[in-house]
């Protein structure tokens, strides 16, 4: 079970750090062709979402890996789960496909429950 959780943690970290880094570094106009939902948010909100994603991605791996405050790992996974619930709601409202949000939500819930 530990190996399975580690695989999920690393996959979550890679997905969220990559997505968040893009939102932190790219202007809204450059993100819009790939992420049409950004038109509903200001540049500052997009940067905030990116920061949450990067910090959450780091949080699902670093505390457990280092043994320093490992309780932060399931808390970060729970936070990412909440982020994905909100993302799915935005995509659903816009009548976009939100399957990826639900898959990431499931992964985050498994990590949160498995590491608590």
PDB file of N, CA and C in Angstrom:
ATOM      1  N   UNK A   1       0.826  -1.195   0.000  1.00  0.00           N
ATOM      2  CA  UNK A   1       0.000   0.000   0.000  1.00  0.00           C
ATOM      3  C   UNK A   1       0.873   1.262   0.000  1.00  0.00           C
ATOM      4  N   UNK A   2       2.008   1.206   0.698  1.00  0.00           N
ATOM      5  CA  UNK A   2       2.879   2.367   0.773  1.00  0.00           C
ATOM      6  C   UNK A   2       3.405   2.756  -0.609  1.00  0.00           C
ATOM      7  N   UNK A   3       3.779   1.775  -1.418  1.00  0.00           N
ATOM      8  CA  UNK A   3       4.291   2.056  -2.763  1.00  0.00           C
ATOM      9  C   UNK A   3       3.187   2.685  -3.616  1.00  0.00           C
ATOM     10  N   UNK A   4       1.977   2.162  -3.514  1.00  0.00           N
ATOM     11  CA  UNK A   4       0.841   2.704  -4.254  1.00  0.00           C
ATOM     12  C   UNK A   4       0.602   4.172  -3.880  1.00  0.00           C
ATOM     13  N   UNK A   5       0.643   4.468  -2.585  1.00  0.00           N
ATOM     14  CA  UNK A   5       0.445   5.845  -2.134  1.00  0.00           C
ATOM     15  C   UNK A   5       1.558   6.753  -2.637  1.00  0.00           C
ATOM     16  N   UNK A   6       2.794   6.247  -2.614  1.00  0.00           N
ATOM     17  CA  UNK A   6       3.907   7.048  -3.132  1.00  0.00           C
ATOM     18  C   UNK A   6       3.728   7.362  -4.618  1.00  0.00           C
ATOM     19  N   UNK A   7       3.285   6.365  -5.381  1.00  0.00           N
ATOM     20  CA  UNK A   7       3.059   6.592  -6.810  1.00  0.00           C
ATOM     21  C   UNK A   7       2.000   7.676  -7.002  1.00  0.00           C
ATOM     22  N   UNK A   8       0.900   7.584  -6.261  1.00  0.00           N
ATOM     23  CA  UNK A   8      -0.148   8.601  -6.358  1.00  0.00           C
ATOM     24  C   UNK A   8       0.371   9.972  -5.935  1.00  0.00           C
ATOM     25  N   UNK A   9       1.144  10.013  -4.863  1.00  0.00           N
ATOM     26  CA  UNK A   9       1.695  11.284  -4.385  1.00  0.00           C
ATOM     27  C   UNK A   9       2.574  11.933  -5.452  1.00  0.00           C
ATOM     28  N   UNK A  10       3.447  11.154  -6.059  1.00  0.00           N
ATOM     29  CA  UNK A  10       4.347  11.698  -7.079  1.00  0.00           C
ATOM     30  C   UNK A  10       3.550  12.154  -8.302  1.00  0.00           C
ATOM     31  N   UNK A  11       2.565  11.370  -8.720  1.00  0.00           N
ATOM     32  CA  UNK A  11       1.737  11.771  -9.861  1.00  0.00           C
ATOM     33  C   UNK A  11       0.986  13.066  -9.569  1.00  0.00           C
ATOM     34  N   UNK A  12       0.423  13.165  -8.371  1.00  0.00           N
ATOM     35  CA  UNK A  12      -0.258  14.402  -7.983  1.00  0.00           C
ATOM     36  C   UNK A  12       0.708  15.578  -7.978  1.00  0.00           C
ATOM     37  N   UNK A  13       1.877  15.361  -7.406  1.00  0.00           N
ATOM     38  CA  UNK A  13       2.868  16.435  -7.336  1.00  0.00           C
ATOM     39  C   UNK A  13       3.245  16.916  -8.728  1.00  0.00           C
ATOM     40  N   UNK A  14       3.536  15.996  -9.621  1.00  0.00           N
ATOM     41  CA  UNK A  14       3.936  16.377 -10.983  1.00  0.00           C
ATOM     42  C   UNK A  14       2.808  17.128 -11.679  1.00  0.00           C
ATOM     43  N   UNK A  15       1.588  16.603 -11.580  1.00  0.00           N
ATOM     44  CA  UNK A  15       0.446  17.242 -12.252  1.00  0.00           C
ATOM     45  C   UNK A  15       0.199  18.642 -11.728  1.00  0.00           C
ATOM     46  N   UNK A  16       0.179  18.796 -10.406  1.00  0.00           N
ATOM     47  CA  UNK A  16      -0.157  20.092  -9.832  1.00  0.00           C
ATOM     48  C   UNK A  16       0.986  21.097  -9.942  1.00  0.00           C
ATOM     49  N   UNK A  17       2.202  20.656  -9.790  1.00  0.00           N
ATOM     50  CA  UNK A  17       3.328  21.585  -9.929  1.00  0.00           C
ATOM     51  C   UNK A  17       3.422  22.075 -11.372  1.00  0.00           C
ATOM     52  N   UNK A  18       3.245  21.176 -12.328  1.00  0.00           N
ATOM     53  CA  UNK A  18       3.302  21.579 -13.740  1.00  0.00           C
ATOM     54  C   UNK A  18       2.167  22.541 -14.078  1.00  0.00           C
ATOM     55  N   UNK A  19       0.958  22.205 -13.685  1.00  0.00           N
ATOM     56  CA  UNK A  19      -0.191  23.074 -13.988  1.00  0.00           C
ATOM     57  C   UNK A  19      -0.063  24.410 -13.267  1.00  0.00           C
ATOM     58  N   UNK A  20       0.331  24.361 -12.013  1.00  0.00           N
ATOM     59  CA  UNK A  20       0.466  25.591 -11.239  1.00  0.00           C
ATOM     60  C   UNK A  20       1.573  26.480 -11.741  1.00  0.00           C
ATOM     61  N   UNK A  21       2.685  25.889 -12.143  1.00  0.00           N
ATOM     62  CA  UNK A  21       3.802  26.684 -12.658  1.00  0.00           C
ATOM     63  C   UNK A  21       3.393  27.430 -13.919  1.00  0.00           C
ATOM     64  N   UNK A  22       2.621  26.783 -14.758  1.00  0.00           N
ATOM     65  CA  UNK A  22       2.131  27.456 -15.960  1.00  0.00           C
ATOM     66  C   UNK A  22       1.261  28.650 -15.622  1.00  0.00           C
ATOM     67  N   UNK A  23       0.385  28.475 -14.650  1.00  0.00           N
ATOM     68  CA  UNK A  23      -0.496  29.572 -14.248  1.00  0.00           C
ATOM     69  C   UNK A  23       0.270  30.694 -13.563  1.00  0.00           C
ATOM     70  N   UNK A  24       1.343  30.357 -12.889  1.00  0.00           N
ATOM     71  CA  UNK A  24       2.150  31.384 -12.217  1.00  0.00           C
ATOM     72  C   UNK A  24       3.022  32.183 -13.186  1.00  0.00           C
ATOM     73  N   UNK A  25       3.435  31.563 -14.275  1.00  0.00           N
ATOM     74  CA  UNK A  25       4.427  32.191 -15.141  1.00  0.00           C
ATOM     75  C   UNK A  25       3.874  32.741 -16.453  1.00  0.00           C
ATOM     76  N   UNK A  26       2.707  32.279 -16.870  1.00  0.00           N
ATOM     77  CA  UNK A  26       2.165  32.688 -18.162  1.00  0.00           C
ATOM     78  C   UNK A  26       1.073  33.737 -17.993  1.00  0.00           C
ATOM     79  N   UNK A  27       0.982  34.690 -18.916  1.00  0.00           N
ATOM     80  CA  UNK A  27      -0.134  35.633 -18.863  1.00  0.00           C
ATOM     81  C   UNK A  27      -1.442  34.922 -19.235  1.00  0.00           C
ATOM     82  N   UNK A  28      -2.511  35.473 -18.766  1.00  0.00           N
ATOM     83  CA  UNK A  28      -3.846  34.898 -18.984  1.00  0.00           C
ATOM     84  C   UNK A  28      -4.112  34.651 -20.470  1.00  0.00           C
ATOM     85  N   UNK A  29      -3.728  35.572 -21.313  1.00  0.00           N
ATOM     86  CA  UNK A  29      -3.988  35.460 -22.747  1.00  0.00           C
ATOM     87  C   UNK A  29      -3.284  34.252 -23.363  1.00  0.00           C
ATOM     88  N   UNK A  30      -2.134  33.925 -22.840  1.00  0.00           N
ATOM     89  CA  UNK A  30      -1.385  32.784 -23.369  1.00  0.00           C
ATOM     90  C   UNK A  30      -1.970  31.455 -22.881  1.00  0.00           C
ATOM     91  N   UNK A  31      -2.604  31.458 -21.719  1.00  0.00           N
ATOM     92  CA  UNK A  31      -3.221  30.250 -21.183  1.00  0.00           C
ATOM     93  C   UNK A  31      -4.569  29.950 -21.833  1.00  0.00           C
ATOM     94  N   UNK A  32      -5.254  30.969 -22.301  1.00  0.00           N
ATOM     95  CA  UNK A  32      -6.627  30.836 -22.756  1.00  0.00           C
ATOM     96  C   UNK A  32      -6.845  29.799 -23.864  1.00  0.00           C
ATOM     97  N   UNK A  33      -5.972  29.652 -24.854  1.00  0.00           N
ATOM     98  CA  UNK A  33      -6.227  28.619 -25.872  1.00  0.00           C
ATOM     99  C   UNK A  33      -6.281  27.197 -25.289  1.00  0.00           C
ATOM    100  N   UNK A  34      -5.461  26.920 -24.273  1.00  0.00           N
ATOM    101  CA  UNK A  34      -5.441  25.586 -23.657  1.00  0.00           C
ATOM    102  C   UNK A  34      -6.430  25.468 -22.508  1.00  0.00           C
ATOM    103  N   UNK A  35      -6.691  26.589 -21.855  1.00  0.00           N
ATOM    104  CA  UNK A  35      -7.543  26.613 -20.663  1.00  0.00           C
ATOM    105  C   UNK A  35      -8.595  27.710 -20.821  1.00  0.00           C
ATOM    106  N   UNK A  36      -9.659  27.443 -21.581  1.00  0.00           N
ATOM    107  CA  UNK A  36     -10.632  28.505 -21.856  1.00  0.00           C
ATOM    108  C   UNK A  36     -11.317  29.064 -20.611  1.00  0.00           C
ATOM    109  N   UNK A  37     -11.347  28.303 -19.530  1.00  0.00           N
ATOM    110  CA  UNK A  37     -12.001  28.761 -18.309  1.00  0.00           C
ATOM    111  C   UNK A  37     -11.313  29.977 -17.684  1.00  0.00           C
ATOM    112  N   UNK A  38     -10.073  30.268 -18.061  1.00  0.00           N
ATOM    113  CA  UNK A  38      -9.377  31.401 -17.439  1.00  0.00           C
ATOM    114  C   UNK A  38     -10.046  32.727 -17.743  1.00  0.00           C
ATOM    115  N   UNK A  39     -10.878  32.770 -18.774  1.00  0.00           N
ATOM    116  CA  UNK A  39     -11.583  34.027 -19.074  1.00  0.00           C
ATOM    117  C   UNK A  39     -12.528  34.433 -17.949  1.00  0.00           C
ATOM    118  N   UNK A  40     -12.911  33.480 -17.094  1.00  0.00           N
ATOM    119  CA  UNK A  40     -13.806  33.768 -15.962  1.00  0.00           C
ATOM    120  C   UNK A  40     -13.062  34.351 -14.756  1.00  0.00           C
ATOM    121  N   UNK A  41     -11.740  34.406 -14.820  1.00  0.00           N
ATOM    122  CA  UNK A  41     -10.940  34.814 -13.667  1.00  0.00           C
ATOM    123  C   UNK A  41      -9.993  35.947 -14.039  1.00  0.00           C
ATOM    124  N   UNK A  42      -9.624  36.739 -13.033  1.00  0.00           N
ATOM    125  CA  UNK A  42      -8.628  37.793 -13.247  1.00  0.00           C
ATOM    126  C   UNK A  42      -7.232  37.169 -13.252  1.00  0.00           C
ATOM    127  N   UNK A  43      -6.265  37.940 -13.722  1.00  0.00           N
ATOM    128  CA  UNK A  43      -4.875  37.460 -13.720  1.00  0.00           C
ATOM    129  C   UNK A  43      -4.421  37.124 -12.299  1.00  0.00           C
ATOM    130  N   UNK A  44      -4.801  37.945 -11.333  1.00  0.00           N
ATOM    131  CA  UNK A  44      -4.411  37.696  -9.935  1.00  0.00           C
ATOM    132  C   UNK A  44      -5.037  36.405  -9.416  1.00  0.00           C
ATOM    133  N   UNK A  45      -6.273  36.141  -9.771  1.00  0.00           N
ATOM    134  CA  UNK A  45      -6.918  34.905  -9.335  1.00  0.00           C
ATOM    135  C   UNK A  45      -6.236  33.686  -9.956  1.00  0.00           C
ATOM    136  N   UNK A  46      -5.867  33.796 -11.218  1.00  0.00           N
ATOM    137  CA  UNK A  46      -5.170  32.689 -11.883  1.00  0.00           C
ATOM    138  C   UNK A  46      -3.830  32.441 -11.215  1.00  0.00           C
ATOM    139  N   UNK A  47      -3.118  33.492 -10.889  1.00  0.00           N
ATOM    140  CA  UNK A  47      -1.834  33.335 -10.181  1.00  0.00           C
ATOM    141  C   UNK A  47      -2.055  32.706  -8.808  1.00  0.00           C
ATOM    142  N   UNK A  48      -3.119  33.096  -8.123  1.00  0.00           N
ATOM    143  CA  UNK A  48      -3.440  32.497  -6.824  1.00  0.00           C
ATOM    144  C   UNK A  48      -3.724  31.015  -6.938  1.00  0.00           C
ATOM    145  N   UNK A  49      -4.488  30.634  -7.960  1.00  0.00           N
ATOM    146  CA  UNK A  49      -4.770  29.219  -8.195  1.00  0.00           C
ATOM    147  C   UNK A  49      -3.470  28.482  -8.478  1.00  0.00           C
ATOM    148  N   UNK A  50      -2.598  29.089  -9.285  1.00  0.00           N
ATOM    149  CA  UNK A  50      -1.301  28.473  -9.582  1.00  0.00           C
ATOM    150  C   UNK A  50      -0.471  28.285  -8.336  1.00  0.00           C
ATOM    151  N   UNK A  51      -0.471  29.276  -7.454  1.00  0.00           N
ATOM    152  CA  UNK A  51       0.294  29.159  -6.204  1.00  0.00           C
ATOM    153  C   UNK A  51      -0.254  28.046  -5.333  1.00  0.00           C
ATOM    154  N   UNK A  52      -1.572  27.945  -5.245  1.00  0.00           N
ATOM    155  CA  UNK A  52      -2.193  26.863  -4.461  1.00  0.00           C
ATOM    156  C   UNK A  52      -1.791  25.512  -5.032  1.00  0.00           C
ATOM    157  N   UNK A  53      -1.808  25.394  -6.356  1.00  0.00           N
ATOM    158  CA  UNK A  53      -1.462  24.123  -6.989  1.00  0.00           C
ATOM    159  C   UNK A  53       0.009  23.756  -6.760  1.00  0.00           C
ATOM    160  N   UNK A  54       0.905  24.703  -6.905  1.00  0.00           N
ATOM    161  CA  UNK A  54       2.335  24.410  -6.697  1.00  0.00           C
ATOM    162  C   UNK A  54       2.586  24.029  -5.237  1.00  0.00           C
ATOM    163  N   UNK A  55       2.057  24.809  -4.314  1.00  0.00           N
ATOM    164  CA  UNK A  55       2.260  24.506  -2.892  1.00  0.00           C
ATOM    165  C   UNK A  55       1.623  23.176  -2.505  1.00  0.00           C
ATOM    166  N   UNK A  56       0.444  22.889  -3.035  1.00  0.00           N
ATOM    167  CA  UNK A  56      -0.200  21.603  -2.766  1.00  0.00           C
ATOM    168  C   UNK A  56       0.603  20.446  -3.340  1.00  0.00           C
ATOM    169  N   UNK A  57       1.130  20.641  -4.557  1.00  0.00           N
ATOM    170  CA  UNK A  57       1.952  19.603  -5.173  1.00  0.00           C
ATOM    171  C   UNK A  57       3.198  19.303  -4.356  1.00  0.00           C
ATOM    172  N   UNK A  58       3.829  20.354  -3.847  1.00  0.00           N
ATOM    173  CA  UNK A  58       4.993  20.149  -2.971  1.00  0.00           C
ATOM    174  C   UNK A  58       4.562  19.519  -1.647  1.00  0.00           C
ATOM    175  N   UNK A  59       3.415  19.936  -1.154  1.00  0.00           N
ATOM    176  CA  UNK A  59       2.940  19.462   0.145  1.00  0.00           C
ATOM    177  C   UNK A  59       2.565  17.996   0.193  1.00  0.00           C
ATOM    178  N   UNK A  60       2.206  17.407  -0.951  1.00  0.00           N
ATOM    179  CA  UNK A  60       1.855  15.982  -0.919  1.00  0.00           C
ATOM    180  C   UNK A  60       3.079  15.084  -0.925  1.00  0.00           C
ATOM    181  N   UNK A  61       4.258  15.649  -1.160  1.00  0.00           N
ATOM    182  CA  UNK A  61       5.471  14.825  -1.211  1.00  0.00           C
ATOM    183  C   UNK A  61       6.488  15.199  -0.136  1.00  0.00           C
ATOM    184  N   UNK A  62       6.838  16.467  -0.060  1.00  0.00           N
ATOM    185  CA  UNK A  62       7.980  16.897   0.748  1.00  0.00           C
ATOM    186  C   UNK A  62       7.853  16.546   2.238  1.00  0.00           C
ATOM    187  N   UNK A  63       6.727  16.837   2.905  1.00  0.00           N
ATOM    188  CA  UNK A  63       6.675  16.521   4.341  1.00  0.00           C
ATOM    189  C   UNK A  63       6.831  15.025   4.627  1.00  0.00           C
ATOM    190  N   UNK A  64       6.181  14.190   3.835  1.00  0.00           N
ATOM    191  CA  UNK A  64       6.267  12.745   4.075  1.00  0.00           C
ATOM    192  C   UNK A  64       7.656  12.228   3.746  1.00  0.00           C
ATOM    193  N   UNK A  65       8.253  12.770   2.697  1.00  0.00           N
ATOM    194  CA  UNK A  65       9.591  12.348   2.277  1.00  0.00           C
ATOM    195  C   UNK A  65      10.642  12.704   3.312  1.00  0.00           C
ATOM    196  N   UNK A  66      10.550  13.906   3.865  1.00  0.00           N
ATOM    197  CA  UNK A  66      11.560  14.370   4.813  1.00  0.00           C
ATOM    198  C   UNK A  66      11.287  13.938   6.246  1.00  0.00           C
ATOM    199  N   UNK A  67      10.032  13.573   6.524  1.00  0.00           N
ATOM    200  CA  UNK A  67       9.668  13.229   7.897  1.00  0.00           C
ATOM    201  C   UNK A  67       9.458  14.453   8.775  1.00  0.00           C
ATOM    202  N   UNK A  68       9.544  15.634   8.190  1.00  0.00           N
ATOM    203  CA  UNK A  68       9.318  16.872   8.930  1.00  0.00           C
ATOM    204  C   UNK A  68       7.848  17.241   8.771  1.00  0.00           C
ATOM    205  N   UNK A  69       7.109  17.209   9.870  1.00  0.00           N
ATOM    206  CA  UNK A  69       5.670  17.517   9.883  1.00  0.00           C
ATOM    207  C   UNK A  69       4.907  16.706   8.838  1.00  0.00           C
ATOM    208  N   UNK A  70       5.011  15.367   8.883  1.00  0.00           N
ATOM    209  CA  UNK A  70       4.351  14.545   7.867  1.00  0.00           C
ATOM    210  C   UNK A  70       2.830  14.676   7.854  1.00  0.00           C
ATOM    211  N   UNK A  71       2.244  15.221   8.904  1.00  0.00           N
ATOM    212  CA  UNK A  71       0.795  15.432   8.905  1.00  0.00           C
ATOM    213  C   UNK A  71       0.384  16.422   7.815  1.00  0.00           C
ATOM    214  N   UNK A  72       1.328  17.207   7.319  1.00  0.00           N
ATOM    215  CA  UNK A  72       1.010  18.161   6.253  1.00  0.00           C
ATOM    216  C   UNK A  72       0.700  17.472   4.925  1.00  0.00           C
ATOM    217  N   UNK A  73       1.207  16.260   4.725  1.00  0.00           N
ATOM    218  CA  UNK A  73       0.955  15.548   3.470  1.00  0.00           C
ATOM    219  C   UNK A  73      -0.529  15.247   3.283  1.00  0.00           C
ATOM    220  N   UNK A  74      -1.207  14.597   4.231  1.00  0.00           N
ATOM    221  CA  UNK A  74      -2.637  14.371   4.012  1.00  0.00           C
ATOM    222  C   UNK A  74      -3.444  15.670   4.013  1.00  0.00           C
ATOM    223  N   UNK A  75      -2.991  16.668   4.740  1.00  0.00           N
ATOM    224  CA  UNK A  75      -3.683  17.956   4.711  1.00  0.00           C
ATOM    225  C   UNK A  75      -3.553  18.607   3.338  1.00  0.00           C
ATOM    226  N   UNK A  76      -2.374  18.522   2.743  1.00  0.00           N
ATOM    227  CA  UNK A  76      -2.177  19.056   1.393  1.00  0.00           C
ATOM    228  C   UNK A  76      -3.032  18.289   0.387  1.00  0.00           C
ATOM    229  N   UNK A  77      -3.096  16.975   0.541  1.00  0.00           N
ATOM    230  CA  UNK A  77      -3.932  16.171  -0.357  1.00  0.00           C
ATOM    231  C   UNK A  77      -5.400  16.555  -0.211  1.00  0.00           C
ATOM    232  N   UNK A  78      -5.851  16.788   1.019  1.00  0.00           N
ATOM    233  CA  UNK A  78      -7.230  17.222   1.236  1.00  0.00           C
ATOM    234  C   UNK A  78      -7.470  18.588   0.597  1.00  0.00           C
ATOM    235  N   UNK A  79      -6.506  19.481   0.723  1.00  0.00           N
ATOM    236  CA  UNK A  79      -6.622  20.794   0.095  1.00  0.00           C
ATOM    237  C   UNK A  79      -6.693  20.702  -1.419  1.00  0.00           C
ATOM    238  N   UNK A  80      -5.891  19.810  -1.995  1.00  0.00           N
ATOM    239  CA  UNK A  80      -5.954  19.615  -3.442  1.00  0.00           C
ATOM    240  C   UNK A  80      -7.293  19.010  -3.845  1.00  0.00           C
ATOM    241  N   UNK A  81      -7.836  18.153  -2.998  1.00  0.00           N
ATOM    242  CA  UNK A  81      -9.159  17.600  -3.264  1.00  0.00           C
ATOM    243  C   UNK A  81     -10.219  18.695  -3.311  1.00  0.00           C
ATOM    244  N   UNK A  82     -10.160  19.613  -2.372  1.00  0.00           N
ATOM    245  CA  UNK A  82     -11.098  20.740  -2.360  1.00  0.00           C
ATOM    246  C   UNK A  82     -10.905  21.588  -3.619  1.00  0.00           C
ATOM    247  N   UNK A  83      -9.660  21.789  -4.000  1.00  0.00           N
ATOM    248  CA  UNK A  83      -9.365  22.539  -5.222  1.00  0.00           C
ATOM    249  C   UNK A  83     -10.004  21.861  -6.431  1.00  0.00           C
ATOM    250  N   UNK A  84      -9.947  20.540  -6.481  1.00  0.00           N
ATOM    251  CA  UNK A  84     -10.520  19.821  -7.619  1.00  0.00           C
ATOM    252  C   UNK A  84     -12.045  19.820  -7.597  1.00  0.00           C
ATOM    253  N   UNK A  85     -12.642  19.852  -6.413  1.00  0.00           N
ATOM    254  CA  UNK A  85     -14.105  19.988  -6.338  1.00  0.00           C
ATOM    255  C   UNK A  85     -14.516  21.329  -6.942  1.00  0.00           C
ATOM    256  N   UNK A  86     -13.793  22.380  -6.577  1.00  0.00           N
ATOM    257  CA  UNK A  86     -14.087  23.702  -7.122  1.00  0.00           C
ATOM    258  C   UNK A  86     -13.813  23.760  -8.631  1.00  0.00           C
ATOM    259  N   UNK A  87     -12.735  23.115  -9.074  1.00  0.00           N
ATOM    260  CA  UNK A  87     -12.416  23.088 -10.505  1.00  0.00           C
ATOM    261  C   UNK A  87     -13.509  22.357 -11.282  1.00  0.00           C
ATOM    262  N   UNK A  88     -13.972  21.229 -10.754  1.00  0.00           N
ATOM    263  CA  UNK A  88     -15.035  20.478 -11.426  1.00  0.00           C
ATOM    264  C   UNK A  88     -16.306  21.316 -11.514  1.00  0.00           C
ATOM    265  N   UNK A  89     -16.594  22.080 -10.475  1.00  0.00           N
ATOM    266  CA  UNK A  89     -17.782  22.938 -10.487  1.00  0.00           C
ATOM    267  C   UNK A  89     -17.666  24.004 -11.574  1.00  0.00           C
ATOM    268  N   UNK A  90     -16.482  24.596 -11.715  1.00  0.00           N
ATOM    269  CA  UNK A  90     -16.276  25.612 -12.754  1.00  0.00           C
ATOM    270  C   UNK A  90     -16.453  24.987 -14.136  1.00  0.00           C
ATOM    271  N   UNK A  91     -15.831  23.834 -14.359  1.00  0.00           N
ATOM    272  CA  UNK A  91     -15.939  23.175 -15.661  1.00  0.00           C
ATOM    273  C   UNK A  91     -17.375  22.747 -15.954  1.00  0.00           C
ATOM    274  N   UNK A  92     -18.062  22.258 -14.945  1.00  0.00           N
ATOM    275  CA  UNK A  92     -19.460  21.838 -15.131  1.00  0.00           C
ATOM    276  C   UNK A  92     -20.332  23.042 -15.486  1.00  0.00           C
ATOM    277  N   UNK A  93     -20.131  24.142 -14.773  1.00  0.00           N
ATOM    278  CA  UNK A  93     -20.899  25.358 -15.051  1.00  0.00           C
ATOM    279  C   UNK A  93     -20.673  25.829 -16.483  1.00  0.00           C
ATOM    280  N   UNK A  94     -19.455  25.682 -16.961  1.00  0.00           N
ATOM    281  CA  UNK A  94     -19.114  26.116 -18.321  1.00  0.00           C
ATOM    282  C   UNK A  94     -19.417  25.045 -19.363  1.00  0.00           C
ATOM    283  N   UNK A  95     -20.005  23.925 -18.915  1.00  0.00           N
ATOM    284  CA  UNK A  95     -20.336  22.797 -19.804  1.00  0.00           C
ATOM    285  C   UNK A  95     -19.099  22.242 -20.509  1.00  0.00           C
ATOM    286  N   UNK A  96     -17.995  22.188 -19.759  1.00  0.00           N
ATOM    287  CA  UNK A  96     -16.741  21.605 -20.241  1.00  0.00           C
ATOM    288  C   UNK A  96     -16.556  20.227 -19.605  1.00  0.00           C
ATOM    289  N   UNK A  97     -15.678  19.451 -20.188  1.00  0.00           N
ATOM    290  CA  UNK A  97     -15.369  18.133 -19.638  1.00  0.00           C
ATOM    291  C   UNK A  97     -14.611  18.309 -18.314  1.00  0.00           C
ATOM    292  N   UNK A  98     -15.095  17.659 -17.263  1.00  0.00           N
ATOM    293  CA  UNK A  98     -14.434  17.778 -15.965  1.00  0.00           C
ATOM    294  C   UNK A  98     -13.957  16.425 -15.440  1.00  0.00           C
ATOM    295  N   UNK A  99     -13.766  15.471 -16.341  1.00  0.00           N
ATOM    296  CA  UNK A  99     -13.294  14.138 -15.956  1.00  0.00           C
ATOM    297  C   UNK A  99     -11.922  14.194 -15.290  1.00  0.00           C
ATOM    298  N   UNK A 100     -11.013  15.001 -15.833  1.00  0.00           N
ATOM    299  CA  UNK A 100      -9.667  15.087 -15.255  1.00  0.00           C
ATOM    300  C   UNK A 100      -9.725  15.604 -13.827  1.00  0.00           C
ATOM    301  N   UNK A 101     -10.607  16.550 -13.565  1.00  0.00           N
ATOM    302  CA  UNK A 101     -10.757  17.071 -12.200  1.00  0.00           C
ATOM    303  C   UNK A 101     -11.222  15.970 -11.253  1.00  0.00           C
ATOM    304  N   UNK A 102     -12.134  15.137 -11.717  1.00  0.00           N
ATOM    305  CA  UNK A 102     -12.643  14.050 -10.865  1.00  0.00           C
ATOM    306  C   UNK A 102     -11.577  12.982 -10.622  1.00  0.00           C
ATOM    307  N   UNK A 103     -10.755  12.709 -11.627  1.00  0.00           N
ATOM    308  CA  UNK A 103      -9.667  11.730 -11.455  1.00  0.00           C
ATOM    309  C   UNK A 103      -8.653  12.256 -10.438  1.00  0.00           C
ATOM    310  N   UNK A 104      -8.278  13.526 -10.575  1.00  0.00           N
ATOM    311  CA  UNK A 104      -7.334  14.122  -9.616  1.00  0.00           C
ATOM    312  C   UNK A 104      -7.950  14.201  -8.221  1.00  0.00           C
ATOM    313  N   UNK A 105      -9.247  14.455  -8.146  1.00  0.00           N
ATOM    314  CA  UNK A 105      -9.945  14.451  -6.860  1.00  0.00           C
ATOM    315  C   UNK A 105      -9.857  13.074  -6.213  1.00  0.00           C
ATOM    316  N   UNK A 106     -10.126  12.028  -6.981  1.00  0.00           N
ATOM    317  CA  UNK A 106     -10.064  10.665  -6.443  1.00  0.00           C
ATOM    318  C   UNK A 106      -8.658  10.341  -5.948  1.00  0.00           C
ATOM    319  N   UNK A 107      -7.651  10.724  -6.713  1.00  0.00           N
ATOM    320  CA  UNK A 107      -6.271  10.473  -6.301  1.00  0.00           C
ATOM    321  C   UNK A 107      -5.952  11.209  -5.001  1.00  0.00           C
ATOM    322  N   UNK A 108      -6.382  12.452  -4.908  1.00  0.00           N
ATOM    323  CA  UNK A 108      -6.114  13.241  -3.702  1.00  0.00           C
ATOM    324  C   UNK A 108      -6.819  12.649  -2.481  1.00  0.00           C
ATOM    325  N   UNK A 109      -8.035  12.177  -2.677  1.00  0.00           N
ATOM    326  CA  UNK A 109      -8.773  11.571  -1.552  1.00  0.00           C
ATOM    327  C   UNK A 109      -8.084  10.293  -1.091  1.00  0.00           C
ATOM    328  N   UNK A 110      -7.628   9.487  -2.028  1.00  0.00           N
ATOM    329  CA  UNK A 110      -6.934   8.244  -1.661  1.00  0.00           C
ATOM    330  C   UNK A 110      -5.670   8.560  -0.873  1.00  0.00           C
ATOM    331  N   UNK A 111      -4.905   9.557  -1.310  1.00  0.00           N
ATOM    332  CA  UNK A 111      -3.686   9.938  -0.586  1.00  0.00           C
ATOM    333  C   UNK A 111      -4.036  10.482   0.792  1.00  0.00           C
ATOM    334  N   UNK A 112      -5.042  11.345   0.862  1.00  0.00           N
ATOM    335  CA  UNK A 112      -5.419  11.931   2.162  1.00  0.00           C
ATOM    336  C   UNK A 112      -5.844  10.855   3.146  1.00  0.00           C
ATOM    337  N   UNK A 113      -6.688   9.950   2.715  1.00  0.00           N
ATOM    338  CA  UNK A 113      -7.164   8.888   3.600  1.00  0.00           C
ATOM    339  C   UNK A 113      -6.026   7.923   3.939  1.00  0.00           C
ATOM    340  N   UNK A 114      -5.232   7.571   2.942  1.00  0.00           N
ATOM    341  CA  UNK A 114      -4.143   6.613   3.149  1.00  0.00           C
ATOM    342  C   UNK A 114      -3.050   7.131   4.065  1.00  0.00           C
ATOM    343  N   UNK A 115      -2.824   8.425   4.064  1.00  0.00           N
ATOM    344  CA  UNK A 115      -1.739   8.996   4.877  1.00  0.00           C
ATOM    345  C   UNK A 115      -2.201   9.513   6.235  1.00  0.00           C
ATOM    346  N   UNK A 116      -3.528   9.628   6.462  1.00  0.00           N
ATOM    347  CA  UNK A 116      -3.994  10.084   7.793  1.00  0.00           C
ATOM    348  C   UNK A 116      -3.810   9.016   8.810  1.00  0.00           C
TER     349      UNK A 116
END
